[in-house]
Amino acid sequence: MCISFFGLNAFQFSPSVRFLLAFGRDEFIERETLPSHEWSQTEPTIIAGRDMRGGGTWLGVSPNNARLAFLTNLKEHDPDPGQLAKRGVIHHKLSRGNLVTGFLSSRDAPEAYMSALDRYAFHGFNLIAVDLMQPRMAYCSNPLSQEELGCKLPINQSDKQGCKLPSNQSNTLRDDLRIGPMILTQGKIYGMSNGFLGEWRKVEAGIQDLRKVMEGEGFSASSEDAATLCHPQGEGLYGTRSQTVFVAWTDGSAELRERCLDTKTLTWTDIISHKFKISGNDDVPNGATSPN
């Protein structure tokens, strides 16, 4: 499964770090993928890996538009098209990777970009969008149960509770938080996998590990060996294809480091590094709202 840990102005022991992201991408081994690189013929500039089947990406940054976005797949059964039609929901048909590139190229505030999406035209996803210049970040997802479609959170409502969500089996499901768009609080470390934001125990453990690393204590246990395991699935071998760390500092410098799995030898490649300056328009982005 994909997993990510991130925070905006959340590391008191490293105050020069504005934003940090650690991301592990799981995917079928046979699915053709390009490692992170600067995309050609794009304006603004985009640095990202590329899914050659869908054409989009799971994680990308635009240095000259001061934006970063990433997503994970939301685990759910594919819905029946007939049932969706009865509820007025468009059947899934678009590549989720376009959600990331769309934000990187836009001038909308993260929450405004999410509000304008036709989210139910995509398979299940969790999306994080970050404006590194303002700074601000937002979250949204698109669950498909009847209960989860029933309520949406106003885009000017902030994450006052740190998004501590109940189990998805709960009868008191907080649909508003799970769908969003929701402005995420600065000063907190978040974790996200293939459930909802902050939902799984493994995610909570990873948040604590990241906090220890930033405080100079190191990881409590190594998960590297487990991350390289490939497991048989219905469509073939499945496992961690890439591991990415992105850091943006308060002086405007940034770096993205990535290592990828060689799908022939099932060993890690050398680390790819992209260093750049974050720049962009200091104006308030279109549709920006103020957290309460």
C-alpha atoms as a PDB file:
ATOM      1  CA  MET A   1       0.000   0.000   0.000  1.00  0.00           C
ATOM      2  CA  CYS A   2       1.107   3.601  -0.499  1.00  0.00           C
ATOM      3  CA  ILE A   3       1.914   5.552   2.635  1.00  0.00           C
ATOM      4  CA  SER A   4       2.916   9.156   3.336  1.00  0.00           C
ATOM      5  CA  PHE A   5       3.917  11.339   6.268  1.00  0.00           C
ATOM      6  CA  PHE A   6       4.073  15.102   6.023  1.00  0.00           C
ATOM      7  CA  GLY A   7       3.874  18.385   7.870  1.00  0.00           C
ATOM      8  CA  LEU A   8       3.807  22.124   7.198  1.00  0.00           C
ATOM      9  CA  ASN A   9       5.782  24.215   9.716  1.00  0.00           C
ATOM     10  CA  ALA A  10       5.470  21.191  11.991  1.00  0.00           C
ATOM     11  CA  PHE A  11       9.033  20.522  13.136  1.00  0.00           C
ATOM     12  CA  GLN A  12       9.991  22.633  16.143  1.00  0.00           C
ATOM     13  CA  PHE A  13      13.425  21.000  16.373  1.00  0.00           C
ATOM     14  CA  SER A  14      14.086  21.930  12.732  1.00  0.00           C
ATOM     15  CA  PRO A  15      12.448  25.371  12.370  1.00  0.00           C
ATOM     16  CA  SER A  16      14.137  25.993   9.010  1.00  0.00           C
ATOM     17  CA  VAL A  17      12.028  23.179   7.492  1.00  0.00           C
ATOM     18  CA  ARG A  18       8.853  24.650   6.040  1.00  0.00           C
ATOM     19  CA  PHE A  19       7.439  21.433   4.587  1.00  0.00           C
ATOM     20  CA  LEU A  20       8.553  17.810   4.692  1.00  0.00           C
ATOM     21  CA  LEU A  21       7.101  14.759   2.965  1.00  0.00           C
ATOM     22  CA  ALA A  22       8.114  11.101   3.110  1.00  0.00           C
ATOM     23  CA  PHE A  23       6.223   8.981   0.569  1.00  0.00           C
ATOM     24  CA  GLY A  24       6.282   5.289  -0.343  1.00  0.00           C
ATOM     25  CA  ARG A  25       4.506   4.223  -3.522  1.00  0.00           C
ATOM     26  CA  ASP A  26       3.248   0.658  -3.939  1.00  0.00           C
ATOM     27  CA  GLU A  27       2.237  -0.522  -7.391  1.00  0.00           C
ATOM     28  CA  PHE A  28       2.182  -3.573  -9.633  1.00  0.00           C
ATOM     29  CA  ILE A  29       5.739  -4.424 -10.685  1.00  0.00           C
ATOM     30  CA  GLU A  30       4.800  -4.757 -14.357  1.00  0.00           C
ATOM     31  CA  ARG A  31       3.122  -1.339 -14.568  1.00  0.00           C
ATOM     32  CA  GLU A  32       5.419   0.870 -16.631  1.00  0.00           C
ATOM     33  CA  THR A  33       6.605   3.913 -14.699  1.00  0.00           C
ATOM     34  CA  LEU A  34       9.186   6.651 -15.234  1.00  0.00           C
ATOM     35  CA  PRO A  35      11.169   7.898 -12.202  1.00  0.00           C
ATOM     36  CA  SER A  36      11.015  11.537 -11.130  1.00  0.00           C
ATOM     37  CA  HIS A  37      12.239  13.948 -13.812  1.00  0.00           C
ATOM     38  CA  GLU A  38      11.495  17.389 -15.216  1.00  0.00           C
ATOM     39  CA  TRP A  39       8.631  17.032 -17.644  1.00  0.00           C
ATOM     40  CA  SER A  40       9.169  18.490 -21.093  1.00  0.00           C
ATOM     41  CA  GLN A  41       6.933  21.140 -22.625  1.00  0.00           C
ATOM     42  CA  THR A  42       5.091  22.021 -19.427  1.00  0.00           C
ATOM     43  CA  GLU A  43       4.490  25.484 -18.048  1.00  0.00           C
ATOM     44  CA  PRO A  44       4.845  25.876 -15.148  1.00  0.00           C
ATOM     45  CA  THR A  45       7.734  23.441 -14.612  1.00  0.00           C
ATOM     46  CA  ILE A  46       6.735  20.031 -13.222  1.00  0.00           C
ATOM     47  CA  ILE A  47       9.094  17.558 -11.556  1.00  0.00           C
ATOM     48  CA  ALA A  48       7.426  14.189 -11.024  1.00  0.00           C
ATOM     49  CA  GLY A  49       7.446  10.526 -11.843  1.00  0.00           C
ATOM     50  CA  ARG A  50       5.055   9.357 -14.523  1.00  0.00           C
ATOM     51  CA  ASP A  51       2.606   6.483 -14.798  1.00  0.00           C
ATOM     52  CA  MET A  52       2.904   5.484 -18.448  1.00  0.00           C
ATOM     53  CA  ARG A  53      -0.504   3.807 -18.504  1.00  0.00           C
ATOM     54  CA  GLY A  54      -2.544   6.743 -17.228  1.00  0.00           C
ATOM     55  CA  GLY A  55      -0.139   9.541 -18.163  1.00  0.00           C
ATOM     56  CA  GLY A  56      -0.340  11.300 -14.801  1.00  0.00           C
ATOM     57  CA  THR A  57       1.568  11.087 -11.542  1.00  0.00           C
ATOM     58  CA  TRP A  58       1.105  10.220  -7.877  1.00  0.00           C
ATOM     59  CA  LEU A  59       3.444  12.949  -6.563  1.00  0.00           C
ATOM     60  CA  GLY A  60       4.805  16.095  -8.154  1.00  0.00           C
ATOM     61  CA  VAL A  61       6.198  19.557  -7.464  1.00  0.00           C
ATOM     62  CA  SER A  62       6.218  22.746  -9.509  1.00  0.00           C
ATOM     63  CA  PRO A  63       9.224  24.857  -8.424  1.00  0.00           C
ATOM     64  CA  ASN A  64       8.194  28.005 -10.303  1.00  0.00           C
ATOM     65  CA  ASN A  65       4.555  27.778  -9.222  1.00  0.00           C
ATOM     66  CA  ALA A  66       5.413  26.945  -5.584  1.00  0.00           C
ATOM     67  CA  ARG A  67       3.123  23.912  -5.495  1.00  0.00           C
ATOM     68  CA  LEU A  68       3.245  20.286  -4.470  1.00  0.00           C
ATOM     69  CA  ALA A  69       0.569  17.602  -4.604  1.00  0.00           C
ATOM     70  CA  PHE A  70       0.342  13.871  -4.005  1.00  0.00           C
ATOM     71  CA  LEU A  71      -2.310  11.204  -3.711  1.00  0.00           C
ATOM     72  CA  THR A  72      -2.970   7.684  -2.522  1.00  0.00           C
ATOM     73  CA  ASN A  73      -5.625   5.287  -3.749  1.00  0.00           C
ATOM     74  CA  LEU A  74      -8.629   4.915  -1.476  1.00  0.00           C
ATOM     75  CA  LYS A  75      -9.316   1.217  -0.926  1.00  0.00           C
ATOM     76  CA  GLU A  76     -12.877   0.349  -1.846  1.00  0.00           C
ATOM     77  CA  HIS A  77     -14.821  -2.017  -4.053  1.00  0.00           C
ATOM     78  CA  ASP A  78     -15.528  -0.674  -7.523  1.00  0.00           C
ATOM     79  CA  PRO A  79     -19.129   0.555  -7.425  1.00  0.00           C
ATOM     80  CA  ASP A  80     -21.873  -0.734  -9.675  1.00  0.00           C
ATOM     81  CA  PRO A  81     -22.422   1.798 -12.518  1.00  0.00           C
ATOM     82  CA  GLY A  82     -26.183   1.318 -12.366  1.00  0.00           C
ATOM     83  CA  GLN A  83     -26.318   2.120  -8.659  1.00  0.00           C
ATOM     84  CA  LEU A  84     -24.157   5.189  -9.195  1.00  0.00           C
ATOM     85  CA  ALA A  85     -26.441   6.409 -11.965  1.00  0.00           C
ATOM     86  CA  LYS A  86     -29.468   6.156  -9.661  1.00  0.00           C
ATOM     87  CA  ARG A  87     -27.649   8.386  -7.187  1.00  0.00           C
ATOM     88  CA  GLY A  88     -26.581  10.869  -9.842  1.00  0.00           C
ATOM     89  CA  VAL A  89     -22.896   9.961  -9.567  1.00  0.00           C
ATOM     90  CA  ILE A  90     -20.767   9.710 -12.698  1.00  0.00           C
ATOM     91  CA  HIS A  91     -19.073   6.353 -13.120  1.00  0.00           C
ATOM     92  CA  HIS A  92     -15.292   6.413 -12.629  1.00  0.00           C
ATOM     93  CA  LYS A  93     -13.438   7.009 -15.867  1.00  0.00           C
ATOM     94  CA  LEU A  94     -10.565   9.483 -15.376  1.00  0.00           C
ATOM     95  CA  SER A  95      -6.953   8.890 -14.325  1.00  0.00           C
ATOM     96  CA  ARG A  96      -6.281   9.935 -10.741  1.00  0.00           C
ATOM     97  CA  GLY A  97      -2.815  11.138 -11.777  1.00  0.00           C
ATOM     98  CA  ASN A  98      -4.441  14.124 -13.482  1.00  0.00           C
ATOM     99  CA  LEU A  99      -5.541  15.397 -10.073  1.00  0.00           C
ATOM    100  CA  VAL A 100      -1.916  16.094  -9.147  1.00  0.00           C
ATOM    101  CA  THR A 101      -0.822  17.711 -12.405  1.00  0.00           C
ATOM    102  CA  GLY A 102      -3.981  19.798 -12.530  1.00  0.00           C
ATOM    103  CA  PHE A 103      -3.170  21.425  -9.203  1.00  0.00           C
ATOM    104  CA  LEU A 104       0.508  21.954 -10.057  1.00  0.00           C
ATOM    105  CA  SER A 105      -0.543  23.959 -13.116  1.00  0.00           C
ATOM    106  CA  SER A 106      -3.325  25.962 -11.466  1.00  0.00           C
ATOM    107  CA  ARG A 107      -3.434  29.283  -9.627  1.00  0.00           C
ATOM    108  CA  ASP A 108      -6.312  28.287  -7.366  1.00  0.00           C
ATOM    109  CA  ALA A 109      -5.916  27.888  -3.630  1.00  0.00           C
ATOM    110  CA  PRO A 110      -5.710  24.202  -2.644  1.00  0.00           C
ATOM    111  CA  GLU A 111      -9.214  24.134  -1.189  1.00  0.00           C
ATOM    112  CA  ALA A 112     -10.681  26.030  -4.153  1.00  0.00           C
ATOM    113  CA  TYR A 113      -9.063  23.632  -6.619  1.00  0.00           C
ATOM    114  CA  MET A 114     -10.552  20.683  -4.757  1.00  0.00           C
ATOM    115  CA  SER A 115     -14.006  22.253  -4.564  1.00  0.00           C
ATOM    116  CA  ALA A 116     -14.101  22.595  -8.345  1.00  0.00           C
ATOM    117  CA  LEU A 117     -13.211  18.943  -8.995  1.00  0.00           C
ATOM    118  CA  ASP A 118     -15.734  16.420 -10.247  1.00  0.00           C
ATOM    119  CA  ARG A 119     -14.330  13.982  -7.702  1.00  0.00           C
ATOM    120  CA  TYR A 120     -16.739  11.153  -8.443  1.00  0.00           C
ATOM    121  CA  ALA A 121     -15.419  10.887 -11.989  1.00  0.00           C
ATOM    122  CA  PHE A 122     -12.340   9.177 -10.492  1.00  0.00           C
ATOM    123  CA  HIS A 123     -11.624   5.942  -8.693  1.00  0.00           C
ATOM    124  CA  GLY A 124     -11.244   6.346  -4.931  1.00  0.00           C
ATOM    125  CA  PHE A 125      -8.453   8.686  -3.861  1.00  0.00           C
ATOM    126  CA  ASN A 126      -6.993  10.806  -1.076  1.00  0.00           C
ATOM    127  CA  LEU A 127      -5.469  14.060  -2.361  1.00  0.00           C
ATOM    128  CA  ILE A 128      -3.146  16.506  -0.607  1.00  0.00           C
ATOM    129  CA  ALA A 129      -2.423  19.859  -2.279  1.00  0.00           C
ATOM    130  CA  VAL A 130       0.143  22.304  -0.887  1.00  0.00           C
ATOM    131  CA  ASP A 131       0.842  25.954  -1.682  1.00  0.00           C
ATOM    132  CA  LEU A 132       4.470  26.358  -0.573  1.00  0.00           C
ATOM    133  CA  MET A 133       4.494  30.150  -0.970  1.00  0.00           C
ATOM    134  CA  GLN A 134       1.543  31.146   1.206  1.00  0.00           C
ATOM    135  CA  PRO A 135       1.880  28.488   2.822  1.00  0.00           C
ATOM    136  CA  ARG A 136      -1.304  26.382   3.092  1.00  0.00           C
ATOM    137  CA  MET A 137      -2.430  22.819   2.403  1.00  0.00           C
ATOM    138  CA  ALA A 138      -5.723  21.013   1.987  1.00  0.00           C
ATOM    139  CA  TYR A 139      -7.114  17.478   1.822  1.00  0.00           C
ATOM    140  CA  CYS A 140     -10.040  15.799   0.104  1.00  0.00           C
ATOM    141  CA  SER A 141     -11.210  12.283  -0.757  1.00  0.00           C
ATOM    142  CA  ASN A 142     -14.124  10.720  -2.635  1.00  0.00           C
ATOM    143  CA  PRO A 143     -15.599   7.765  -0.722  1.00  0.00           C
ATOM    144  CA  LEU A 144     -18.649   6.187  -2.263  1.00  0.00           C
ATOM    145  CA  SER A 145     -20.849   4.776   0.488  1.00  0.00           C
ATOM    146  CA  GLN A 146     -24.263   6.397   0.814  1.00  0.00           C
ATOM    147  CA  GLU A 147     -23.413   7.759   4.246  1.00  0.00           C
ATOM    148  CA  GLU A 148     -20.138   9.271   3.071  1.00  0.00           C
ATOM    149  CA  LEU A 149     -21.859  11.069   0.190  1.00  0.00           C
ATOM    150  CA  GLY A 150     -24.303  12.727   2.562  1.00  0.00           C
ATOM    151  CA  CYS A 151     -22.262  15.563   4.039  1.00  0.00           C
ATOM    152  CA  LYS A 152     -19.449  17.887   3.013  1.00  0.00           C
ATOM    153  CA  LEU A 153     -17.316  20.197   5.134  1.00  0.00           C
ATOM    154  CA  PRO A 154     -17.433  23.931   4.321  1.00  0.00           C
ATOM    155  CA  ILE A 155     -14.125  24.893   2.760  1.00  0.00           C
ATOM    156  CA  ASN A 156     -13.513  27.600   5.376  1.00  0.00           C
ATOM    157  CA  GLN A 157     -13.606  25.123   8.261  1.00  0.00           C
ATOM    158  CA  SER A 158     -10.165  24.117   9.482  1.00  0.00           C
ATOM    159  CA  ASP A 159      -8.983  20.847  10.958  1.00  0.00           C
ATOM    160  CA  LYS A 160      -9.335  21.862  14.592  1.00  0.00           C
ATOM    161  CA  GLN A 161      -9.160  18.310  15.920  1.00  0.00           C
ATOM    162  CA  GLY A 162      -6.090  17.202  13.961  1.00  0.00           C
ATOM    163  CA  CYS A 163      -8.293  14.889  11.895  1.00  0.00           C
ATOM    164  CA  LYS A 164      -8.499  12.085  14.473  1.00  0.00           C
ATOM    165  CA  LEU A 165     -10.983   9.881  12.652  1.00  0.00           C
ATOM    166  CA  PRO A 166     -12.937   6.854  13.865  1.00  0.00           C
ATOM    167  CA  SER A 167     -12.863   3.428  12.221  1.00  0.00           C
ATOM    168  CA  ASN A 168     -14.583   3.185   8.863  1.00  0.00           C
ATOM    169  CA  GLN A 169     -16.892   0.639  10.485  1.00  0.00           C
ATOM    170  CA  SER A 170     -18.192   3.252  12.924  1.00  0.00           C
ATOM    171  CA  ASN A 171     -21.836   4.318  12.841  1.00  0.00           C
ATOM    172  CA  THR A 172     -20.693   7.837  13.779  1.00  0.00           C
ATOM    173  CA  LEU A 173     -18.618   8.289  10.634  1.00  0.00           C
ATOM    174  CA  ARG A 174     -17.451  11.903  10.247  1.00  0.00           C
ATOM    175  CA  ASP A 175     -18.299  12.207   6.574  1.00  0.00           C
ATOM    176  CA  ASP A 176     -17.524  15.931   6.515  1.00  0.00           C
ATOM    177  CA  LEU A 177     -13.879  15.371   7.450  1.00  0.00           C
ATOM    178  CA  ARG A 178     -13.487  12.395   5.165  1.00  0.00           C
ATOM    179  CA  ILE A 179     -14.678  14.119   2.032  1.00  0.00           C
ATOM    180  CA  GLY A 180     -13.446  17.703   2.482  1.00  0.00           C
ATOM    181  CA  PRO A 181     -12.100  19.896   1.057  1.00  0.00           C
ATOM    182  CA  MET A 182     -10.473  20.589   4.400  1.00  0.00           C
ATOM    183  CA  ILE A 183      -7.695  23.048   5.194  1.00  0.00           C
ATOM    184  CA  LEU A 184      -5.076  21.180   7.216  1.00  0.00           C
ATOM    185  CA  THR A 185      -3.582  22.777  10.283  1.00  0.00           C
ATOM    186  CA  GLN A 186       0.017  23.944  10.211  1.00  0.00           C
ATOM    187  CA  GLY A 187       2.257  22.702  13.019  1.00  0.00           C
ATOM    188  CA  LYS A 188       1.043  19.070  12.904  1.00  0.00           C
ATOM    189  CA  ILE A 189       2.488  15.911  11.386  1.00  0.00           C
ATOM    190  CA  TYR A 190      -0.035  13.971   9.305  1.00  0.00           C
ATOM    191  CA  GLY A 191      -0.040  10.465   7.909  1.00  0.00           C
ATOM    192  CA  MET A 192      -2.040   9.045   5.027  1.00  0.00           C
ATOM    193  CA  SER A 193      -2.253   5.626   3.416  1.00  0.00           C
ATOM    194  CA  ASN A 194      -5.032   3.823   1.543  1.00  0.00           C
ATOM    195  CA  GLY A 195      -7.617   4.536   4.212  1.00  0.00           C
ATOM    196  CA  PHE A 196      -8.752   7.983   5.217  1.00  0.00           C
ATOM    197  CA  LEU A 197      -6.386  10.641   6.516  1.00  0.00           C
ATOM    198  CA  GLY A 198      -4.750   9.511   9.768  1.00  0.00           C
ATOM    199  CA  GLU A 199      -6.967   6.450  10.080  1.00  0.00           C
ATOM    200  CA  TRP A 200      -4.761   3.340  10.304  1.00  0.00           C
ATOM    201  CA  ARG A 201      -2.599   2.204  13.217  1.00  0.00           C
ATOM    202  CA  LYS A 202       0.399   1.806  10.913  1.00  0.00           C
ATOM    203  CA  VAL A 203       0.042   5.461   9.972  1.00  0.00           C
ATOM    204  CA  GLU A 204      -0.027   6.552  13.612  1.00  0.00           C
ATOM    205  CA  ALA A 205       3.186   4.589  14.270  1.00  0.00           C
ATOM    206  CA  GLY A 206       4.862   6.226  11.286  1.00  0.00           C
ATOM    207  CA  ILE A 207       3.933   9.696  12.503  1.00  0.00           C
ATOM    208  CA  GLN A 208       5.679   8.974  15.797  1.00  0.00           C
ATOM    209  CA  ASP A 209       8.752   7.654  13.958  1.00  0.00           C
ATOM    210  CA  LEU A 210       8.976  10.783  11.810  1.00  0.00           C
ATOM    211  CA  ARG A 211       8.692  12.981  14.887  1.00  0.00           C
ATOM    212  CA  LYS A 212      11.581  11.077  16.500  1.00  0.00           C
ATOM    213  CA  VAL A 213      13.725  11.451  13.391  1.00  0.00           C
ATOM    214  CA  MET A 214      13.178  15.209  13.326  1.00  0.00           C
ATOM    215  CA  GLU A 215      14.067  15.342  17.024  1.00  0.00           C
ATOM    216  CA  GLY A 216      17.301  13.462  16.337  1.00  0.00           C
ATOM    217  CA  GLU A 217      16.335  10.173  18.000  1.00  0.00           C
ATOM    218  CA  GLY A 218      16.254   7.974  14.889  1.00  0.00           C
ATOM    219  CA  PHE A 219      13.713   5.327  13.938  1.00  0.00           C
ATOM    220  CA  SER A 220      12.546   2.861  16.561  1.00  0.00           C
ATOM    221  CA  ALA A 221      12.782   0.026  13.990  1.00  0.00           C
ATOM    222  CA  SER A 222      13.849  -0.352  10.369  1.00  0.00           C
ATOM    223  CA  SER A 223      11.134  -1.116   7.843  1.00  0.00           C
ATOM    224  CA  GLU A 224      13.373  -1.069   4.750  1.00  0.00           C
ATOM    225  CA  ASP A 225      13.451  -4.829   4.228  1.00  0.00           C
ATOM    226  CA  ALA A 226       9.687  -5.113   4.575  1.00  0.00           C
ATOM    227  CA  ALA A 227       9.214  -2.267   2.106  1.00  0.00           C
ATOM    228  CA  THR A 228      11.052  -4.121  -0.655  1.00  0.00           C
ATOM    229  CA  LEU A 229       8.953  -7.270  -0.463  1.00  0.00           C
ATOM    230  CA  CYS A 230       6.844  -8.051  -3.520  1.00  0.00           C
ATOM    231  CA  HIS A 231       3.580  -9.887  -3.025  1.00  0.00           C
ATOM    232  CA  PRO A 232       1.501 -11.736  -5.638  1.00  0.00           C
ATOM    233  CA  GLN A 233      -1.814 -10.052  -6.439  1.00  0.00           C
ATOM    234  CA  GLY A 234      -4.494 -10.750  -9.008  1.00  0.00           C
ATOM    235  CA  GLU A 235      -2.640  -8.837 -11.746  1.00  0.00           C
ATOM    236  CA  GLY A 236       0.896  -9.954 -10.832  1.00  0.00           C
ATOM    237  CA  LEU A 237       3.617  -9.014  -8.362  1.00  0.00           C
ATOM    238  CA  TYR A 238       2.884  -5.967  -6.233  1.00  0.00           C
ATOM    239  CA  GLY A 239       5.188  -4.036  -3.923  1.00  0.00           C
ATOM    240  CA  THR A 240       6.979  -0.777  -3.133  1.00  0.00           C
ATOM    241  CA  ARG A 241       8.119   0.792  -6.411  1.00  0.00           C
ATOM    242  CA  SER A 242       9.618   4.043  -5.114  1.00  0.00           C
ATOM    243  CA  GLN A 243      10.447   5.949  -1.936  1.00  0.00           C
ATOM    244  CA  THR A 244      10.536   9.746  -2.010  1.00  0.00           C
ATOM    245  CA  VAL A 245      11.550  12.472   0.432  1.00  0.00           C
ATOM    246  CA  PHE A 246      10.786  16.118  -0.316  1.00  0.00           C
ATOM    247  CA  VAL A 247      11.935  19.034   1.842  1.00  0.00           C
ATOM    248  CA  ALA A 248      11.271  22.754   1.372  1.00  0.00           C
ATOM    249  CA  TRP A 249      13.166  25.155   3.627  1.00  0.00           C
ATOM    250  CA  THR A 250      12.161  28.630   4.753  1.00  0.00           C
ATOM    251  CA  ASP A 251      14.904  30.240   2.613  1.00  0.00           C
ATOM    252  CA  GLY A 252      13.151  29.010  -0.539  1.00  0.00           C
ATOM    253  CA  SER A 253      15.485  26.112  -1.298  1.00  0.00           C
ATOM    254  CA  ALA A 254      14.056  22.626  -1.805  1.00  0.00           C
ATOM    255  CA  GLU A 255      15.142  19.110  -2.672  1.00  0.00           C
ATOM    256  CA  LEU A 256      13.372  15.977  -3.844  1.00  0.00           C
ATOM    257  CA  ARG A 257      15.185  12.665  -3.402  1.00  0.00           C
ATOM    258  CA  GLU A 258      13.897   9.389  -4.758  1.00  0.00           C
ATOM    259  CA  ARG A 259      14.991   5.817  -5.154  1.00  0.00           C
ATOM    260  CA  CYS A 260      13.149   3.336  -7.332  1.00  0.00           C
ATOM    261  CA  LEU A 261      12.866  -0.415  -7.548  1.00  0.00           C
ATOM    262  CA  ASP A 262      14.570  -2.007 -10.538  1.00  0.00           C
ATOM    263  CA  THR A 263      11.724  -4.202 -11.748  1.00  0.00           C
ATOM    264  CA  LYS A 264      14.090  -6.710 -13.376  1.00  0.00           C
ATOM    265  CA  THR A 265      16.455  -7.325 -10.444  1.00  0.00           C
ATOM    266  CA  LEU A 266      14.063  -6.228  -7.646  1.00  0.00           C
ATOM    267  CA  THR A 267      16.863  -4.136  -6.127  1.00  0.00           C
ATOM    268  CA  TRP A 268      16.957  -0.421  -5.375  1.00  0.00           C
ATOM    269  CA  THR A 269      18.461   1.993  -7.895  1.00  0.00           C
ATOM    270  CA  ASP A 270      20.803   4.837  -6.951  1.00  0.00           C
ATOM    271  CA  ILE A 271      19.126   7.845  -5.367  1.00  0.00           C
ATOM    272  CA  ILE A 272      17.888  10.526  -7.765  1.00  0.00           C
ATOM    273  CA  SER A 273      18.196  14.097  -6.441  1.00  0.00           C
ATOM    274  CA  HIS A 274      16.503  17.274  -7.686  1.00  0.00           C
ATOM    275  CA  LYS A 275      17.556  20.559  -6.038  1.00  0.00           C
ATOM    276  CA  PHE A 276      15.818  23.820  -6.877  1.00  0.00           C
ATOM    277  CA  LYS A 277      14.455  27.118  -5.584  1.00  0.00           C
ATOM    278  CA  ILE A 278      10.782  27.576  -4.847  1.00  0.00           C
ATOM    279  CA  SER A 279       9.378  30.676  -6.510  1.00  0.00           C
ATOM    280  CA  GLY A 280       5.980  31.971  -7.437  1.00  0.00           C
ATOM    281  CA  ASN A 281       3.465  34.757  -7.061  1.00  0.00           C
ATOM    282  CA  ASP A 282       3.132  36.102  -3.510  1.00  0.00           C
ATOM    283  CA  ASP A 283      -0.471  37.147  -4.170  1.00  0.00           C
ATOM    284  CA  VAL A 284      -3.231  35.290  -2.356  1.00  0.00           C
ATOM    285  CA  PRO A 285      -4.289  32.442  -4.694  1.00  0.00           C
ATOM    286  CA  ASN A 286      -7.714  32.342  -6.302  1.00  0.00           C
ATOM    287  CA  GLY A 287     -10.481  31.205  -3.972  1.00  0.00           C
ATOM    288  CA  ALA A 288      -8.360  31.214  -0.803  1.00  0.00           C
ATOM    289  CA  THR A 289     -10.322  31.061   2.439  1.00  0.00           C
ATOM    290  CA  SER A 290      -9.280  31.782   6.008  1.00  0.00           C
ATOM    291  CA  PRO A 291      -9.365  28.887   8.504  1.00  0.00           C
ATOM    292  CA  ASN A 292     -11.591  29.516  11.508  1.00  0.00           C
END
